[in-house]
């Protein structure tokens, strides 16, 4: 099992940038595909991005493609989400998730991911 803790959320103006971090515990961090999800108030949790176990490949939701970048540093047991050109629509609680499978096998449905952090709030003002 892996424990996940998100950090880096906060308040930012539209057009600004923010970098989220997902710190994981355990010795088998590189065995997990890591994803970012977000949930706005009153809406369903949605997929944002995912990165392969080694970090050589990534997949993004259309809504964030070209603006967000996911990366990982397995030596530090940390995954990052660099968010640029932020929009008010990006306002949400952002969650880090992990699944012990390849990125190819992983699905965007949140029910597929067994391990979750508690989330960090990102607020983008207009």
C-alpha atoms as a PDB file:
ATOM      1  CA  UNK A   1       0.000   0.000   0.000  1.00  0.00           C
ATOM      2  CA  UNK A   2       1.078   3.574  -0.642  1.00  0.00           C
ATOM      3  CA  UNK A   3       0.250   6.748   1.282  1.00  0.00           C
ATOM      4  CA  UNK A   4      -0.228   9.959  -0.708  1.00  0.00           C
ATOM      5  CA  UNK A   5      -0.113  13.569   0.485  1.00  0.00           C
ATOM      6  CA  UNK A   6      -0.836  16.529  -1.796  1.00  0.00           C
ATOM      7  CA  UNK A   7       0.492  20.038  -1.290  1.00  0.00           C
ATOM      8  CA  UNK A   8       0.927  23.294  -3.184  1.00  0.00           C
ATOM      9  CA  UNK A   9      -2.665  24.408  -3.531  1.00  0.00           C
ATOM     10  CA  UNK A  10      -3.682  27.990  -2.991  1.00  0.00           C
ATOM     11  CA  UNK A  11      -5.215  31.112  -4.479  1.00  0.00           C
ATOM     12  CA  UNK A  12      -4.026  32.397  -7.841  1.00  0.00           C
ATOM     13  CA  UNK A  13      -5.344  34.852 -10.414  1.00  0.00           C
ATOM     14  CA  UNK A  14      -6.463  33.739 -13.844  1.00  0.00           C
ATOM     15  CA  UNK A  15      -3.491  33.355 -16.141  1.00  0.00           C
ATOM     16  CA  UNK A  16      -1.179  32.525 -13.278  1.00  0.00           C
ATOM     17  CA  UNK A  17       0.669  29.342 -12.404  1.00  0.00           C
ATOM     18  CA  UNK A  18       0.757  26.877  -9.562  1.00  0.00           C
ATOM     19  CA  UNK A  19       2.734  23.716  -8.888  1.00  0.00           C
ATOM     20  CA  UNK A  20       1.190  20.845  -6.976  1.00  0.00           C
ATOM     21  CA  UNK A  21       3.162  18.067  -5.333  1.00  0.00           C
ATOM     22  CA  UNK A  22       2.160  14.541  -4.409  1.00  0.00           C
ATOM     23  CA  UNK A  23       4.476  12.949  -1.881  1.00  0.00           C
ATOM     24  CA  UNK A  24       4.276   9.187  -1.468  1.00  0.00           C
ATOM     25  CA  UNK A  25       5.529   6.815   1.188  1.00  0.00           C
ATOM     26  CA  UNK A  26       6.822   3.313   0.640  1.00  0.00           C
ATOM     27  CA  UNK A  27       9.655   1.611  -1.198  1.00  0.00           C
ATOM     28  CA  UNK A  28       7.685   0.651  -4.317  1.00  0.00           C
ATOM     29  CA  UNK A  29       6.706   4.090  -5.598  1.00  0.00           C
ATOM     30  CA  UNK A  30       7.991   3.297  -9.075  1.00  0.00           C
ATOM     31  CA  UNK A  31       5.518   0.402  -9.292  1.00  0.00           C
ATOM     32  CA  UNK A  32       2.580   2.811  -9.431  1.00  0.00           C
ATOM     33  CA  UNK A  33       1.067   4.825 -12.200  1.00  0.00           C
ATOM     34  CA  UNK A  34       0.169   8.191 -10.650  1.00  0.00           C
ATOM     35  CA  UNK A  35      -2.751  10.358 -11.622  1.00  0.00           C
ATOM     36  CA  UNK A  36      -4.219  13.732 -10.754  1.00  0.00           C
ATOM     37  CA  UNK A  37      -7.953  14.249 -10.432  1.00  0.00           C
ATOM     38  CA  UNK A  38     -10.002  17.264  -9.438  1.00  0.00           C
ATOM     39  CA  UNK A  39     -13.437  17.910  -8.053  1.00  0.00           C
ATOM     40  CA  UNK A  40     -15.186  21.251  -8.228  1.00  0.00           C
ATOM     41  CA  UNK A  41     -18.004  22.049  -5.825  1.00  0.00           C
ATOM     42  CA  UNK A  42     -21.198  20.374  -6.936  1.00  0.00           C
ATOM     43  CA  UNK A  43     -19.496  18.415  -9.710  1.00  0.00           C
ATOM     44  CA  UNK A  44     -18.192  14.902 -10.186  1.00  0.00           C
ATOM     45  CA  UNK A  45     -14.528  14.152  -9.711  1.00  0.00           C
ATOM     46  CA  UNK A  46     -12.759  14.237 -13.068  1.00  0.00           C
ATOM     47  CA  UNK A  47      -9.492  13.009 -14.468  1.00  0.00           C
ATOM     48  CA  UNK A  48      -6.751  15.567 -15.080  1.00  0.00           C
ATOM     49  CA  UNK A  49      -3.496  13.795 -15.915  1.00  0.00           C
ATOM     50  CA  UNK A  50      -1.536  10.603 -15.370  1.00  0.00           C
ATOM     51  CA  UNK A  51       2.099   9.603 -15.642  1.00  0.00           C
ATOM     52  CA  UNK A  52       3.697   6.232 -16.252  1.00  0.00           C
ATOM     53  CA  UNK A  53       5.649   4.383 -13.605  1.00  0.00           C
ATOM     54  CA  UNK A  54       9.089   5.458 -14.781  1.00  0.00           C
ATOM     55  CA  UNK A  55       7.843   8.810 -16.013  1.00  0.00           C
ATOM     56  CA  UNK A  56       8.455   8.354 -19.715  1.00  0.00           C
ATOM     57  CA  UNK A  57       4.878   8.902 -20.825  1.00  0.00           C
ATOM     58  CA  UNK A  58       1.891  10.965 -19.771  1.00  0.00           C
ATOM     59  CA  UNK A  59      -1.771  11.430 -20.614  1.00  0.00           C
ATOM     60  CA  UNK A  60      -3.892  14.556 -20.173  1.00  0.00           C
ATOM     61  CA  UNK A  61      -7.525  15.486 -20.208  1.00  0.00           C
ATOM     62  CA  UNK A  62      -8.425  17.710 -23.145  1.00  0.00           C
ATOM     63  CA  UNK A  63      -9.397  20.502 -20.773  1.00  0.00           C
ATOM     64  CA  UNK A  64      -5.830  20.889 -19.481  1.00  0.00           C
ATOM     65  CA  UNK A  65      -3.754  19.727 -22.441  1.00  0.00           C
ATOM     66  CA  UNK A  66      -1.103  22.280 -23.326  1.00  0.00           C
ATOM     67  CA  UNK A  67      -1.455  24.073 -19.983  1.00  0.00           C
ATOM     68  CA  UNK A  68      -0.643  21.424 -17.375  1.00  0.00           C
ATOM     69  CA  UNK A  69       2.436  19.222 -17.154  1.00  0.00           C
ATOM     70  CA  UNK A  70       2.743  16.128 -14.986  1.00  0.00           C
ATOM     71  CA  UNK A  71       6.154  14.828 -13.953  1.00  0.00           C
ATOM     72  CA  UNK A  72       7.674  12.559 -11.341  1.00  0.00           C
ATOM     73  CA  UNK A  73      10.896  12.096  -9.427  1.00  0.00           C
ATOM     74  CA  UNK A  74      11.002   8.508  -8.231  1.00  0.00           C
ATOM     75  CA  UNK A  75      14.164   9.165  -6.216  1.00  0.00           C
ATOM     76  CA  UNK A  76      12.101  11.617  -4.150  1.00  0.00           C
ATOM     77  CA  UNK A  77       8.866   9.600  -4.247  1.00  0.00           C
ATOM     78  CA  UNK A  78       7.115  12.673  -5.597  1.00  0.00           C
ATOM     79  CA  UNK A  79       4.842  13.514  -8.512  1.00  0.00           C
ATOM     80  CA  UNK A  80       4.245  17.079  -9.652  1.00  0.00           C
ATOM     81  CA  UNK A  81       1.544  18.888 -11.558  1.00  0.00           C
ATOM     82  CA  UNK A  82       2.685  22.164 -13.071  1.00  0.00           C
ATOM     83  CA  UNK A  83      -0.382  24.249 -13.873  1.00  0.00           C
ATOM     84  CA  UNK A  84       0.032  27.229 -16.181  1.00  0.00           C
ATOM     85  CA  UNK A  85      -2.435  29.647 -17.755  1.00  0.00           C
ATOM     86  CA  UNK A  86      -4.916  28.853 -15.029  1.00  0.00           C
ATOM     87  CA  UNK A  87      -8.591  29.567 -15.585  1.00  0.00           C
ATOM     88  CA  UNK A  88     -11.431  30.020 -13.097  1.00  0.00           C
ATOM     89  CA  UNK A  89     -12.789  26.708 -14.397  1.00  0.00           C
ATOM     90  CA  UNK A  90      -9.709  25.024 -12.910  1.00  0.00           C
ATOM     91  CA  UNK A  91     -10.907  25.841  -9.404  1.00  0.00           C
ATOM     92  CA  UNK A  92     -11.291  22.551  -7.552  1.00  0.00           C
ATOM     93  CA  UNK A  93      -9.872  20.254  -4.937  1.00  0.00           C
ATOM     94  CA  UNK A  94      -7.034  18.397  -6.605  1.00  0.00           C
ATOM     95  CA  UNK A  95      -6.352  14.787  -5.642  1.00  0.00           C
ATOM     96  CA  UNK A  96      -3.375  12.559  -6.245  1.00  0.00           C
ATOM     97  CA  UNK A  97      -4.118   8.897  -6.944  1.00  0.00           C
ATOM     98  CA  UNK A  98      -2.104   5.733  -7.488  1.00  0.00           C
ATOM     99  CA  UNK A  99      -2.710   2.381  -9.123  1.00  0.00           C
ATOM    100  CA  UNK A 100      -0.287  -0.596  -9.312  1.00  0.00           C
ATOM    101  CA  UNK A 101      -0.477  -0.966 -13.067  1.00  0.00           C
ATOM    102  CA  UNK A 102       0.936   0.511 -16.245  1.00  0.00           C
ATOM    103  CA  UNK A 103      -0.267   3.764 -17.772  1.00  0.00           C
ATOM    104  CA  UNK A 104      -1.504   1.759 -20.740  1.00  0.00           C
ATOM    105  CA  UNK A 105      -3.728  -0.328 -18.468  1.00  0.00           C
ATOM    106  CA  UNK A 106      -4.924   2.600 -16.351  1.00  0.00           C
ATOM    107  CA  UNK A 107      -8.352   4.137 -16.897  1.00  0.00           C
ATOM    108  CA  UNK A 108      -9.580   7.676 -16.384  1.00  0.00           C
ATOM    109  CA  UNK A 109     -12.538   6.627 -14.243  1.00  0.00           C
ATOM    110  CA  UNK A 110     -11.767   7.445 -10.627  1.00  0.00           C
ATOM    111  CA  UNK A 111     -13.173   4.108  -9.412  1.00  0.00           C
ATOM    112  CA  UNK A 112     -10.245   2.382 -11.085  1.00  0.00           C
ATOM    113  CA  UNK A 113      -7.722   3.998  -8.728  1.00  0.00           C
ATOM    114  CA  UNK A 114      -7.442   2.361  -5.273  1.00  0.00           C
ATOM    115  CA  UNK A 115      -5.156   4.826  -3.474  1.00  0.00           C
ATOM    116  CA  UNK A 116      -5.919   8.502  -2.897  1.00  0.00           C
ATOM    117  CA  UNK A 117      -4.596  11.508  -1.063  1.00  0.00           C
ATOM    118  CA  UNK A 118      -6.849  13.874   0.868  1.00  0.00           C
ATOM    119  CA  UNK A 119      -6.624  16.648  -1.708  1.00  0.00           C
ATOM    120  CA  UNK A 120      -5.402  20.229  -1.924  1.00  0.00           C
ATOM    121  CA  UNK A 121      -7.592  23.198  -2.834  1.00  0.00           C
ATOM    122  CA  UNK A 122      -6.814  25.314  -5.887  1.00  0.00           C
ATOM    123  CA  UNK A 123      -8.769  28.533  -6.319  1.00  0.00           C
ATOM    124  CA  UNK A 124      -8.409  30.599  -9.487  1.00  0.00           C
ATOM    125  CA  UNK A 125      -9.909  34.070  -9.364  1.00  0.00           C
ATOM    126  CA  UNK A 126     -11.251  35.839 -12.443  1.00  0.00           C
END
